[in-house]
Amino acid sequence: MRRFGMVLTIIGVLICIATALLWIWLNAFACGMSPNGCSGFTLHWEDTEALAYFIPPFILGCLLTIAGILTIAGKRRSERR
């Protein structure tokens, strides 16, 4: 079970990192595609259309990470008894 918990944790963290990197890439791409040019790079958190696609995988990554940590902690707790 400990390996399963580690796998869940690693996959969850990778999903969170990939989601964050893709969010930054999307904002940089949109900034570069702007006809007015890009005077500064900012993350547009108010863009609800794009966030609708990025929030679910980020939440999934967080849930997998938490499940992995709880699996590892539960296994350690059962080994102590």
C-alpha atoms as a PDB file:
ATOM      1  CA  MET A   1       0.000   0.000   0.000  1.00  0.00           C
ATOM      2  CA  ARG A   2       2.903   2.321   0.621  1.00  0.00           C
ATOM      3  CA  ARG A   3       3.998   2.159  -3.020  1.00  0.00           C
ATOM      4  CA  PHE A   4       0.431   2.788  -4.141  1.00  0.00           C
ATOM      5  CA  GLY A   5       0.341   5.864  -1.908  1.00  0.00           C
ATOM      6  CA  MET A   6       3.627   7.076  -3.347  1.00  0.00           C
ATOM      7  CA  VAL A   7       2.341   6.564  -6.897  1.00  0.00           C
ATOM      8  CA  LEU A   8      -0.854   8.477  -6.102  1.00  0.00           C
ATOM      9  CA  THR A   9       1.115  11.309  -4.534  1.00  0.00           C
ATOM     10  CA  ILE A  10       3.558  11.592  -7.441  1.00  0.00           C
ATOM     11  CA  ILE A  11       0.805  11.483 -10.061  1.00  0.00           C
ATOM     12  CA  GLY A  12      -1.200  14.091  -8.152  1.00  0.00           C
ATOM     13  CA  VAL A  13       1.762  16.445  -7.856  1.00  0.00           C
ATOM     14  CA  LEU A  14       2.609  15.998 -11.545  1.00  0.00           C
ATOM     15  CA  ILE A  15      -0.983  16.805 -12.544  1.00  0.00           C
ATOM     16  CA  CYS A  16      -0.920  19.959 -10.387  1.00  0.00           C
ATOM     17  CA  ILE A  17       2.424  21.076 -11.836  1.00  0.00           C
ATOM     18  CA  ALA A  18       1.333  20.347 -15.417  1.00  0.00           C
ATOM     19  CA  THR A  19      -1.910  22.251 -14.907  1.00  0.00           C
ATOM     20  CA  ALA A  20      -0.086  25.275 -13.480  1.00  0.00           C
ATOM     21  CA  LEU A  21       2.479  25.243 -16.297  1.00  0.00           C
ATOM     22  CA  LEU A  22      -0.228  24.994 -18.941  1.00  0.00           C
ATOM     23  CA  TRP A  23      -2.112  27.886 -17.310  1.00  0.00           C
ATOM     24  CA  ILE A  24       1.034  30.044 -17.459  1.00  0.00           C
ATOM     25  CA  TRP A  25       1.683  28.952 -21.065  1.00  0.00           C
ATOM     26  CA  LEU A  26      -1.878  29.804 -22.080  1.00  0.00           C
ATOM     27  CA  ASN A  27      -1.587  33.282 -20.567  1.00  0.00           C
ATOM     28  CA  ALA A  28       1.771  33.883 -22.233  1.00  0.00           C
ATOM     29  CA  PHE A  29       0.371  32.668 -25.561  1.00  0.00           C
ATOM     30  CA  ALA A  30      -2.647  34.978 -25.224  1.00  0.00           C
ATOM     31  CA  CYS A  31      -0.351  37.861 -24.333  1.00  0.00           C
ATOM     32  CA  GLY A  32       1.755  37.210 -27.436  1.00  0.00           C
ATOM     33  CA  MET A  33      -1.308  36.938 -29.674  1.00  0.00           C
ATOM     34  CA  SER A  34      -2.671  40.288 -28.530  1.00  0.00           C
ATOM     35  CA  PRO A  35      -2.656  42.858 -31.374  1.00  0.00           C
ATOM     36  CA  ASN A  36      -1.785  45.599 -28.864  1.00  0.00           C
ATOM     37  CA  GLY A  37       1.398  43.862 -27.862  1.00  0.00           C
ATOM     38  CA  CYS A  38       2.386  42.652 -24.471  1.00  0.00           C
ATOM     39  CA  SER A  39       3.445  45.379 -22.071  1.00  0.00           C
ATOM     40  CA  GLY A  40       3.769  42.995 -19.140  1.00  0.00           C
ATOM     41  CA  PHE A  41       3.022  39.419 -18.333  1.00  0.00           C
ATOM     42  CA  THR A  42       0.180  38.883 -15.867  1.00  0.00           C
ATOM     43  CA  LEU A  43      -1.943  35.872 -15.077  1.00  0.00           C
ATOM     44  CA  HIS A  44      -5.582  36.685 -15.700  1.00  0.00           C
ATOM     45  CA  TRP A  45      -7.359  34.884 -12.862  1.00  0.00           C
ATOM     46  CA  GLU A  46     -10.627  36.558 -13.784  1.00  0.00           C
ATOM     47  CA  ASP A  47     -10.764  34.637 -17.078  1.00  0.00           C
ATOM     48  CA  THR A  48     -13.510  32.221 -16.086  1.00  0.00           C
ATOM     49  CA  GLU A  49     -13.761  30.616 -19.533  1.00  0.00           C
ATOM     50  CA  ALA A  50     -10.226  29.263 -19.356  1.00  0.00           C
ATOM     51  CA  LEU A  51     -10.330  28.524 -15.642  1.00  0.00           C
ATOM     52  CA  ALA A  52     -13.295  26.218 -16.229  1.00  0.00           C
ATOM     53  CA  TYR A  53     -10.854  23.891 -17.999  1.00  0.00           C
ATOM     54  CA  PHE A  54      -7.942  24.285 -15.590  1.00  0.00           C
ATOM     55  CA  ILE A  55      -9.637  24.043 -12.194  1.00  0.00           C
ATOM     56  CA  PRO A  56     -10.960  20.435 -12.499  1.00  0.00           C
ATOM     57  CA  PRO A  57      -7.563  18.835 -13.277  1.00  0.00           C
ATOM     58  CA  PHE A  58      -5.926  20.916 -10.561  1.00  0.00           C
ATOM     59  CA  ILE A  59      -8.516  19.749  -8.030  1.00  0.00           C
ATOM     60  CA  LEU A  60      -8.052  16.170  -9.262  1.00  0.00           C
ATOM     61  CA  GLY A  61      -4.296  16.491  -8.723  1.00  0.00           C
ATOM     62  CA  CYS A  62      -4.840  17.846  -5.223  1.00  0.00           C
ATOM     63  CA  LEU A  63      -7.247  15.021  -4.369  1.00  0.00           C
ATOM     64  CA  LEU A  64      -4.829  12.379  -5.665  1.00  0.00           C
ATOM     65  CA  THR A  65      -2.013  13.923  -3.645  1.00  0.00           C
ATOM     66  CA  ILE A  66      -4.119  13.957  -0.492  1.00  0.00           C
ATOM     67  CA  ALA A  67      -5.279  10.381  -1.105  1.00  0.00           C
ATOM     68  CA  GLY A  68      -1.682   9.272  -1.544  1.00  0.00           C
ATOM     69  CA  ILE A  69      -0.554  10.989   1.639  1.00  0.00           C
ATOM     70  CA  LEU A  70      -3.463   9.516   3.605  1.00  0.00           C
ATOM     71  CA  THR A  71      -2.698   6.048   2.202  1.00  0.00           C
ATOM     72  CA  ILE A  72       0.921   6.323   3.310  1.00  0.00           C
ATOM     73  CA  ALA A  73      -0.068   7.679   6.728  1.00  0.00           C
ATOM     74  CA  GLY A  74      -2.694   4.951   7.198  1.00  0.00           C
ATOM     75  CA  LYS A  75      -0.195   2.245   6.334  1.00  0.00           C
ATOM     76  CA  ARG A  76       2.334   3.625   8.808  1.00  0.00           C
ATOM     77  CA  ARG A  77      -0.329   3.852  11.499  1.00  0.00           C
ATOM     78  CA  SER A  78      -1.355   0.225  10.950  1.00  0.00           C
ATOM     79  CA  GLU A  79       2.288  -0.915  11.094  1.00  0.00           C
ATOM     80  CA  ARG A  80       2.760   0.665  14.529  1.00  0.00           C
ATOM     81  CA  ARG A  81      -0.003  -1.436  16.043  1.00  0.00           C
END
